[in-house]
Amino acid sequence: MSRPSGPDPHLLPWLDGQGGARAAEQGSPPRVPEQQVRVYTCTPAAAPAQAARRMTAAPAPFPSEHEQAAHELDLAIALVLNSPQAGGSLRRLAETERIHPEGALVFACLLALTGRDEAAQFWWQFAAGSGSHTAAYLLHLHHLRLGEPRDAAYWRAQSEQLAGPPRPRRAVPGAPLLPDAVRHELLARCHEGLGARLPLAVEAALNRLGVSAPDEDFGEVPRPSRSLAEELSAS
């Protein structure tokens, strides 16, 4: 199977959930008939024009597709958490009753870096179901990393369907989510081909979060607290 190309670090439009339909369900994606599974090669010219604009060749090929996908997922997560809007987006998710796909995307990325893959998948699916094509693309990489090409193809297709013309960004108040040193270390590790990870103090703040009643598909799913963004920025 050909490797997909990675997201352009300069173009990753992660704050893309401007409305969109509410997630109807949080379970596994519907199965895609074998004949409908599509795989793109690593050159942008091989993908539809709209998708090609968001793609570049992966920075450093890895020996296998799942290792390449893991590297690209780590890089995409680091870029999401490095955004100046990340802190404000997480606060909005925790402090209001409205659906905030941007905050769900950020929260899922934090959970992924603490090894809670199932909980991260839950919140990525929530964000994708609320209109985030970046969350859908991260689910594509997540399933490739797990060696699940059919689910990966489903979320790749969802990402392309959700992507549209660039829309004006809404101003999201607040300081960056993580201290500068932590954000820079995340990006540096990714560019060196190392796995992304969080400092112990940041992991401890995430480990103190309350959880929902166990979900049938995803187990215990953490919920963001109102103080989480402040705790992370001070870690």
C-alpha atoms as a PDB file:
ATOM      1  CA  MET A   1       0.000   0.000   0.000  1.00  0.00           C
ATOM      2  CA  SER A   2       1.347   3.440  -0.844  1.00  0.00           C
ATOM      3  CA  ARG A   3       2.015   5.877   1.947  1.00  0.00           C
ATOM      4  CA  PRO A   4      -0.191   8.954   2.202  1.00  0.00           C
ATOM      5  CA  SER A   5       1.588  12.240   2.365  1.00  0.00           C
ATOM      6  CA  GLY A   6       1.661  14.254   5.553  1.00  0.00           C
ATOM      7  CA  PRO A   7      -0.048  17.527   6.386  1.00  0.00           C
ATOM      8  CA  ASP A   8       1.802  20.702   5.549  1.00  0.00           C
ATOM      9  CA  PRO A   9       2.998  22.098   8.919  1.00  0.00           C
ATOM     10  CA  HIS A  10       2.375  25.641   7.673  1.00  0.00           C
ATOM     11  CA  LEU A  11      -1.095  25.016   6.308  1.00  0.00           C
ATOM     12  CA  LEU A  12      -2.695  22.686   8.851  1.00  0.00           C
ATOM     13  CA  PRO A  13      -6.089  24.396   9.299  1.00  0.00           C
ATOM     14  CA  TRP A  14      -6.915  22.921  12.692  1.00  0.00           C
ATOM     15  CA  LEU A  15      -9.421  25.564  13.785  1.00  0.00           C
ATOM     16  CA  ASP A  16     -11.881  24.459  11.149  1.00  0.00           C
ATOM     17  CA  GLY A  17     -14.985  23.447  13.088  1.00  0.00           C
ATOM     18  CA  GLN A  18     -17.082  26.519  12.386  1.00  0.00           C
ATOM     19  CA  GLY A  19     -20.440  24.948  13.171  1.00  0.00           C
ATOM     20  CA  GLY A  20     -21.210  21.743  11.300  1.00  0.00           C
ATOM     21  CA  ALA A  21     -23.611  18.964  12.187  1.00  0.00           C
ATOM     22  CA  ARG A  22     -23.676  17.599  15.707  1.00  0.00           C
ATOM     23  CA  ALA A  23     -22.293  14.091  16.034  1.00  0.00           C
ATOM     24  CA  ALA A  24     -25.184  11.691  15.735  1.00  0.00           C
ATOM     25  CA  GLU A  25     -23.241   8.891  17.365  1.00  0.00           C
ATOM     26  CA  GLN A  26     -19.816   8.288  18.856  1.00  0.00           C
ATOM     27  CA  GLY A  27     -19.354   4.636  17.864  1.00  0.00           C
ATOM     28  CA  SER A  28     -17.092   3.068  15.276  1.00  0.00           C
ATOM     29  CA  PRO A  29     -17.378   4.437  11.736  1.00  0.00           C
ATOM     30  CA  PRO A  30     -19.500   2.497   9.267  1.00  0.00           C
ATOM     31  CA  ARG A  31     -17.577  -0.057   7.296  1.00  0.00           C
ATOM     32  CA  VAL A  32     -16.567   0.959   3.810  1.00  0.00           C
ATOM     33  CA  PRO A  33     -17.114  -1.627   1.030  1.00  0.00           C
ATOM     34  CA  GLU A  34     -13.772  -2.961  -0.192  1.00  0.00           C
ATOM     35  CA  GLN A  35     -14.248  -1.592  -3.682  1.00  0.00           C
ATOM     36  CA  GLN A  36     -14.716   1.932  -2.281  1.00  0.00           C
ATOM     37  CA  VAL A  37     -11.470   2.039  -0.307  1.00  0.00           C
ATOM     38  CA  ARG A  38      -9.174   4.652  -1.864  1.00  0.00           C
ATOM     39  CA  VAL A  39      -5.488   5.054  -1.181  1.00  0.00           C
ATOM     40  CA  TYR A  40      -3.418   8.009  -2.361  1.00  0.00           C
ATOM     41  CA  THR A  41       0.249   7.929  -3.172  1.00  0.00           C
ATOM     42  CA  CYS A  42       2.675  10.294  -1.515  1.00  0.00           C
ATOM     43  CA  THR A  43       2.594  12.953  -4.220  1.00  0.00           C
ATOM     44  CA  PRO A  44      -0.028  15.719  -3.996  1.00  0.00           C
ATOM     45  CA  ALA A  45      -0.686  15.403  -7.734  1.00  0.00           C
ATOM     46  CA  ALA A  46      -2.248  11.980  -7.133  1.00  0.00           C
ATOM     47  CA  ALA A  47      -4.979  13.368  -4.859  1.00  0.00           C
ATOM     48  CA  PRO A  48      -8.016  15.495  -5.699  1.00  0.00           C
ATOM     49  CA  ALA A  49      -7.094  19.157  -6.146  1.00  0.00           C
ATOM     50  CA  GLN A  50      -8.722  20.284  -2.905  1.00  0.00           C
ATOM     51  CA  ALA A  51      -6.860  17.665  -0.873  1.00  0.00           C
ATOM     52  CA  ALA A  52      -3.591  18.320  -2.698  1.00  0.00           C
ATOM     53  CA  ARG A  53      -3.521  21.898  -1.471  1.00  0.00           C
ATOM     54  CA  ARG A  54      -3.314  20.588   2.093  1.00  0.00           C
ATOM     55  CA  MET A  55      -0.583  18.032   1.446  1.00  0.00           C
ATOM     56  CA  THR A  56       3.173  17.889   1.145  1.00  0.00           C
ATOM     57  CA  ALA A  57       5.595  15.014   0.991  1.00  0.00           C
ATOM     58  CA  ALA A  58       6.332  13.542   4.400  1.00  0.00           C
ATOM     59  CA  PRO A  59       9.516  15.049   5.862  1.00  0.00           C
ATOM     60  CA  ALA A  60      11.293  11.731   6.509  1.00  0.00           C
ATOM     61  CA  PRO A  61      10.083   8.368   5.175  1.00  0.00           C
ATOM     62  CA  PHE A  62       9.821   5.603   7.764  1.00  0.00           C
ATOM     63  CA  PRO A  63      10.256   1.853   7.150  1.00  0.00           C
ATOM     64  CA  SER A  64       6.536   1.040   7.365  1.00  0.00           C
ATOM     65  CA  GLU A  65       3.241   2.758   6.785  1.00  0.00           C
ATOM     66  CA  HIS A  66       2.148   2.522  10.411  1.00  0.00           C
ATOM     67  CA  GLU A  67       5.438   4.067  11.619  1.00  0.00           C
ATOM     68  CA  GLN A  68       5.072   6.861   9.076  1.00  0.00           C
ATOM     69  CA  ALA A  69       1.487   7.467  10.187  1.00  0.00           C
ATOM     70  CA  ALA A  70       2.568   7.544  13.853  1.00  0.00           C
ATOM     71  CA  HIS A  71       5.197  10.168  13.044  1.00  0.00           C
ATOM     72  CA  GLU A  72       2.761  12.310  11.073  1.00  0.00           C
ATOM     73  CA  LEU A  73       0.126  12.007  13.800  1.00  0.00           C
ATOM     74  CA  ASP A  74       2.631  13.170  16.429  1.00  0.00           C
ATOM     75  CA  LEU A  75       3.590  16.129  14.255  1.00  0.00           C
ATOM     76  CA  ALA A  76      -0.038  17.102  13.631  1.00  0.00           C
ATOM     77  CA  ILE A  77      -0.783  16.865  17.376  1.00  0.00           C
ATOM     78  CA  ALA A  78       2.214  19.062  18.171  1.00  0.00           C
ATOM     79  CA  LEU A  79       1.011  21.663  15.676  1.00  0.00           C
ATOM     80  CA  VAL A  80      -2.491  21.697  17.146  1.00  0.00           C
ATOM     81  CA  LEU A  81      -1.168  22.141  20.690  1.00  0.00           C
ATOM     82  CA  ASN A  82       1.343  24.765  19.524  1.00  0.00           C
ATOM     83  CA  SER A  83      -1.383  27.017  18.137  1.00  0.00           C
ATOM     84  CA  PRO A  84      -2.045  30.241  20.073  1.00  0.00           C
ATOM     85  CA  GLN A  85      -5.780  29.432  19.927  1.00  0.00           C
ATOM     86  CA  ALA A  86      -5.415  26.090  21.741  1.00  0.00           C
ATOM     87  CA  GLY A  87      -5.819  27.420  25.283  1.00  0.00           C
ATOM     88  CA  GLY A  88      -8.899  29.499  24.518  1.00  0.00           C
ATOM     89  CA  SER A  89     -10.496  26.649  22.597  1.00  0.00           C
ATOM     90  CA  LEU A  90     -10.048  24.199  25.470  1.00  0.00           C
ATOM     91  CA  ARG A  91     -11.545  26.725  27.906  1.00  0.00           C
ATOM     92  CA  ARG A  92     -14.595  27.179  25.720  1.00  0.00           C
ATOM     93  CA  LEU A  93     -15.120  23.408  25.587  1.00  0.00           C
ATOM     94  CA  ALA A  94     -14.949  23.104  29.377  1.00  0.00           C
ATOM     95  CA  GLU A  95     -16.848  26.237  30.396  1.00  0.00           C
ATOM     96  CA  THR A  96     -19.921  26.264  28.173  1.00  0.00           C
ATOM     97  CA  GLU A  97     -22.693  23.906  27.174  1.00  0.00           C
ATOM     98  CA  ARG A  98     -22.226  24.576  23.460  1.00  0.00           C
ATOM     99  CA  ILE A  99     -20.443  22.202  21.099  1.00  0.00           C
ATOM    100  CA  HIS A 100     -16.877  23.344  20.417  1.00  0.00           C
ATOM    101  CA  PRO A 101     -15.123  21.097  17.893  1.00  0.00           C
ATOM    102  CA  GLU A 102     -11.900  23.122  18.210  1.00  0.00           C
ATOM    103  CA  GLY A 103     -11.727  22.459  21.949  1.00  0.00           C
ATOM    104  CA  ALA A 104     -12.577  18.776  21.464  1.00  0.00           C
ATOM    105  CA  LEU A 105      -9.737  18.529  18.936  1.00  0.00           C
ATOM    106  CA  VAL A 106      -7.264  20.055  21.403  1.00  0.00           C
ATOM    107  CA  PHE A 107      -8.450  17.854  24.275  1.00  0.00           C
ATOM    108  CA  ALA A 108      -8.160  14.703  22.149  1.00  0.00           C
ATOM    109  CA  CYS A 109      -4.586  15.621  21.221  1.00  0.00           C
ATOM    110  CA  LEU A 110      -3.659  15.988  24.900  1.00  0.00           C
ATOM    111  CA  LEU A 111      -5.183  12.594  25.709  1.00  0.00           C
ATOM    112  CA  ALA A 112      -3.338  10.968  22.816  1.00  0.00           C
ATOM    113  CA  LEU A 113      -0.007  12.132  24.236  1.00  0.00           C
ATOM    114  CA  THR A 114      -0.803  10.458  27.568  1.00  0.00           C
ATOM    115  CA  GLY A 115      -1.403   7.110  25.860  1.00  0.00           C
ATOM    116  CA  ARG A 116      -5.208   7.162  26.164  1.00  0.00           C
ATOM    117  CA  ASP A 117      -5.839   6.310  22.544  1.00  0.00           C
ATOM    118  CA  GLU A 118      -9.447   5.192  22.925  1.00  0.00           C
ATOM    119  CA  ALA A 119     -10.447   8.345  24.800  1.00  0.00           C
ATOM    120  CA  ALA A 120      -8.585  10.448  22.226  1.00  0.00           C
ATOM    121  CA  GLN A 121     -10.474   8.665  19.450  1.00  0.00           C
ATOM    122  CA  PHE A 122     -13.772   9.431  21.206  1.00  0.00           C
ATOM    123  CA  TRP A 123     -13.043  13.184  21.302  1.00  0.00           C
ATOM    124  CA  TRP A 124     -11.601  13.245  17.765  1.00  0.00           C
ATOM    125  CA  GLN A 125     -14.807  11.606  16.543  1.00  0.00           C
ATOM    126  CA  PHE A 126     -16.833  14.145  18.511  1.00  0.00           C
ATOM    127  CA  ALA A 127     -14.882  16.974  16.847  1.00  0.00           C
ATOM    128  CA  ALA A 128     -15.142  15.418  13.387  1.00  0.00           C
ATOM    129  CA  GLY A 129     -18.875  14.856  13.845  1.00  0.00           C
ATOM    130  CA  SER A 130     -19.173  18.545  14.722  1.00  0.00           C
ATOM    131  CA  GLY A 131     -17.492  19.658  11.503  1.00  0.00           C
ATOM    132  CA  SER A 132     -13.703  19.494  12.079  1.00  0.00           C
ATOM    133  CA  HIS A 133     -11.934  18.143   8.995  1.00  0.00           C
ATOM    134  CA  THR A 134      -8.612  18.296  10.859  1.00  0.00           C
ATOM    135  CA  ALA A 135      -9.983  15.910  13.502  1.00  0.00           C
ATOM    136  CA  ALA A 136     -11.132  13.581  10.719  1.00  0.00           C
ATOM    137  CA  TYR A 137      -7.650  13.691   9.185  1.00  0.00           C
ATOM    138  CA  LEU A 138      -6.071  12.861  12.546  1.00  0.00           C
ATOM    139  CA  LEU A 139      -8.438   9.887  12.812  1.00  0.00           C
ATOM    140  CA  HIS A 140      -7.186   8.814   9.376  1.00  0.00           C
ATOM    141  CA  LEU A 141      -3.602   8.831  10.697  1.00  0.00           C
ATOM    142  CA  HIS A 142      -4.666   7.196  13.973  1.00  0.00           C
ATOM    143  CA  HIS A 143      -6.190   4.216  12.162  1.00  0.00           C
ATOM    144  CA  LEU A 144      -3.255   3.917   9.764  1.00  0.00           C
ATOM    145  CA  ARG A 145      -0.956   3.773  12.778  1.00  0.00           C
ATOM    146  CA  LEU A 146      -3.068   0.922  14.178  1.00  0.00           C
ATOM    147  CA  GLY A 147      -2.981  -0.973  10.862  1.00  0.00           C
ATOM    148  CA  GLU A 148      -6.686  -0.392  10.122  1.00  0.00           C
ATOM    149  CA  PRO A 149      -6.693   0.769   6.472  1.00  0.00           C
ATOM    150  CA  ARG A 150     -10.450   0.585   5.915  1.00  0.00           C
ATOM    151  CA  ASP A 151     -11.259   2.838   8.870  1.00  0.00           C
ATOM    152  CA  ALA A 152      -8.369   5.075   7.814  1.00  0.00           C
ATOM    153  CA  ALA A 153      -9.857   5.368   4.327  1.00  0.00           C
ATOM    154  CA  TYR A 154     -13.258   6.219   5.773  1.00  0.00           C
ATOM    155  CA  TRP A 155     -11.869   9.103   7.829  1.00  0.00           C
ATOM    156  CA  ARG A 156      -9.717  10.313   4.951  1.00  0.00           C
ATOM    157  CA  ALA A 157     -12.868  10.568   2.852  1.00  0.00           C
ATOM    158  CA  GLN A 158     -14.685  12.320   5.707  1.00  0.00           C
ATOM    159  CA  SER A 159     -11.849  14.831   5.998  1.00  0.00           C
ATOM    160  CA  GLU A 160     -12.109  15.680   2.312  1.00  0.00           C
ATOM    161  CA  GLN A 161     -15.903  16.028   2.501  1.00  0.00           C
ATOM    162  CA  LEU A 162     -15.687  18.362   5.499  1.00  0.00           C
ATOM    163  CA  ALA A 163     -12.927  20.494   4.002  1.00  0.00           C
ATOM    164  CA  GLY A 164     -14.134  23.537   2.120  1.00  0.00           C
ATOM    165  CA  PRO A 165     -12.911  26.956   1.019  1.00  0.00           C
ATOM    166  CA  PRO A 166     -10.924  28.805   3.708  1.00  0.00           C
ATOM    167  CA  ARG A 167     -13.203  30.567   6.153  1.00  0.00           C
ATOM    168  CA  PRO A 168     -12.477  33.587   8.351  1.00  0.00           C
ATOM    169  CA  ARG A 169     -11.024  32.562  11.680  1.00  0.00           C
ATOM    170  CA  ARG A 170     -12.889  33.523  14.812  1.00  0.00           C
ATOM    171  CA  ALA A 171     -10.775  35.234  17.437  1.00  0.00           C
ATOM    172  CA  VAL A 172     -10.321  32.912  20.417  1.00  0.00           C
ATOM    173  CA  PRO A 173      -9.098  34.698  23.563  1.00  0.00           C
ATOM    174  CA  GLY A 174      -6.464  33.366  25.916  1.00  0.00           C
ATOM    175  CA  ALA A 175      -2.787  32.553  26.195  1.00  0.00           C
ATOM    176  CA  PRO A 176      -1.193  29.481  24.571  1.00  0.00           C
ATOM    177  CA  LEU A 177      -2.180  26.190  26.164  1.00  0.00           C
ATOM    178  CA  LEU A 178       1.303  24.984  27.145  1.00  0.00           C
ATOM    179  CA  PRO A 179       4.463  26.806  28.272  1.00  0.00           C
ATOM    180  CA  ASP A 180       6.808  27.817  25.465  1.00  0.00           C
ATOM    181  CA  ALA A 181       9.469  25.284  26.441  1.00  0.00           C
ATOM    182  CA  VAL A 182       6.971  22.417  26.327  1.00  0.00           C
ATOM    183  CA  ARG A 183       5.562  23.445  22.944  1.00  0.00           C
ATOM    184  CA  HIS A 184       9.019  23.866  21.450  1.00  0.00           C
ATOM    185  CA  GLU A 185      10.122  20.495  22.805  1.00  0.00           C
ATOM    186  CA  LEU A 186       7.110  18.771  21.207  1.00  0.00           C
ATOM    187  CA  LEU A 187       7.943  20.168  17.788  1.00  0.00           C
ATOM    188  CA  ALA A 188      11.673  19.507  18.179  1.00  0.00           C
ATOM    189  CA  ARG A 189      11.088  15.836  19.026  1.00  0.00           C
ATOM    190  CA  CYS A 190       8.830  15.402  16.006  1.00  0.00           C
ATOM    191  CA  HIS A 191      11.322  17.000  13.623  1.00  0.00           C
ATOM    192  CA  GLU A 192      14.007  14.671  15.004  1.00  0.00           C
ATOM    193  CA  GLY A 193      11.794  11.654  14.325  1.00  0.00           C
ATOM    194  CA  LEU A 194      11.144  11.004  18.019  1.00  0.00           C
ATOM    195  CA  GLY A 195       7.771  10.329  19.593  1.00  0.00           C
ATOM    196  CA  ALA A 196       5.930  13.321  21.045  1.00  0.00           C
ATOM    197  CA  ARG A 197       5.466  13.305  24.810  1.00  0.00           C
ATOM    198  CA  LEU A 198       4.370  15.615  27.606  1.00  0.00           C
ATOM    199  CA  PRO A 199       6.231  16.519  30.808  1.00  0.00           C
ATOM    200  CA  LEU A 200       5.195  14.631  33.945  1.00  0.00           C
ATOM    201  CA  ALA A 201       3.562  17.730  35.446  1.00  0.00           C
ATOM    202  CA  VAL A 202       1.292  18.079  32.423  1.00  0.00           C
ATOM    203  CA  GLU A 203       0.419  14.374  32.461  1.00  0.00           C
ATOM    204  CA  ALA A 204      -0.380  14.632  36.175  1.00  0.00           C
ATOM    205  CA  ALA A 205      -2.900  17.422  35.521  1.00  0.00           C
ATOM    206  CA  LEU A 206      -4.593  15.284  32.866  1.00  0.00           C
ATOM    207  CA  ASN A 207      -4.585  12.213  35.095  1.00  0.00           C
ATOM    208  CA  ARG A 208      -6.564  14.089  37.752  1.00  0.00           C
ATOM    209  CA  LEU A 209      -9.520  14.673  35.435  1.00  0.00           C
ATOM    210  CA  GLY A 210     -12.880  13.120  36.173  1.00  0.00           C
ATOM    211  CA  VAL A 211     -14.259  10.507  33.794  1.00  0.00           C
ATOM    212  CA  SER A 212     -17.672   9.735  32.391  1.00  0.00           C
ATOM    213  CA  ALA A 213     -19.418   6.430  33.002  1.00  0.00           C
ATOM    214  CA  PRO A 214     -17.601   3.763  30.981  1.00  0.00           C
ATOM    215  CA  ASP A 215     -18.526   3.916  27.311  1.00  0.00           C
ATOM    216  CA  GLU A 216     -19.287   0.625  25.554  1.00  0.00           C
ATOM    217  CA  ASP A 217     -16.771   1.307  22.786  1.00  0.00           C
ATOM    218  CA  PHE A 218     -14.210   3.626  24.392  1.00  0.00           C
ATOM    219  CA  GLY A 219     -14.159   2.723  28.093  1.00  0.00           C
ATOM    220  CA  GLU A 220     -13.597   5.555  30.585  1.00  0.00           C
ATOM    221  CA  VAL A 221     -13.558   8.887  28.774  1.00  0.00           C
ATOM    222  CA  PRO A 222     -12.018  11.868  30.649  1.00  0.00           C
ATOM    223  CA  ARG A 223     -13.878  15.191  30.698  1.00  0.00           C
ATOM    224  CA  PRO A 224     -12.079  18.561  30.615  1.00  0.00           C
ATOM    225  CA  SER A 225     -12.306  20.556  33.820  1.00  0.00           C
ATOM    226  CA  ARG A 226     -12.814  24.315  34.010  1.00  0.00           C
ATOM    227  CA  SER A 227      -9.354  24.752  35.528  1.00  0.00           C
ATOM    228  CA  LEU A 228      -7.470  22.469  33.147  1.00  0.00           C
ATOM    229  CA  ALA A 229      -6.221  25.149  30.748  1.00  0.00           C
ATOM    230  CA  GLU A 230      -4.822  27.218  33.628  1.00  0.00           C
ATOM    231  CA  GLU A 231      -3.129  24.160  35.153  1.00  0.00           C
ATOM    232  CA  LEU A 232      -1.507  23.230  31.852  1.00  0.00           C
ATOM    233  CA  SER A 233      -0.231  26.729  31.108  1.00  0.00           C
ATOM    234  CA  ALA A 234       1.432  26.827  34.541  1.00  0.00           C
ATOM    235  CA  SER A 235       2.954  23.320  34.362  1.00  0.00           C
END
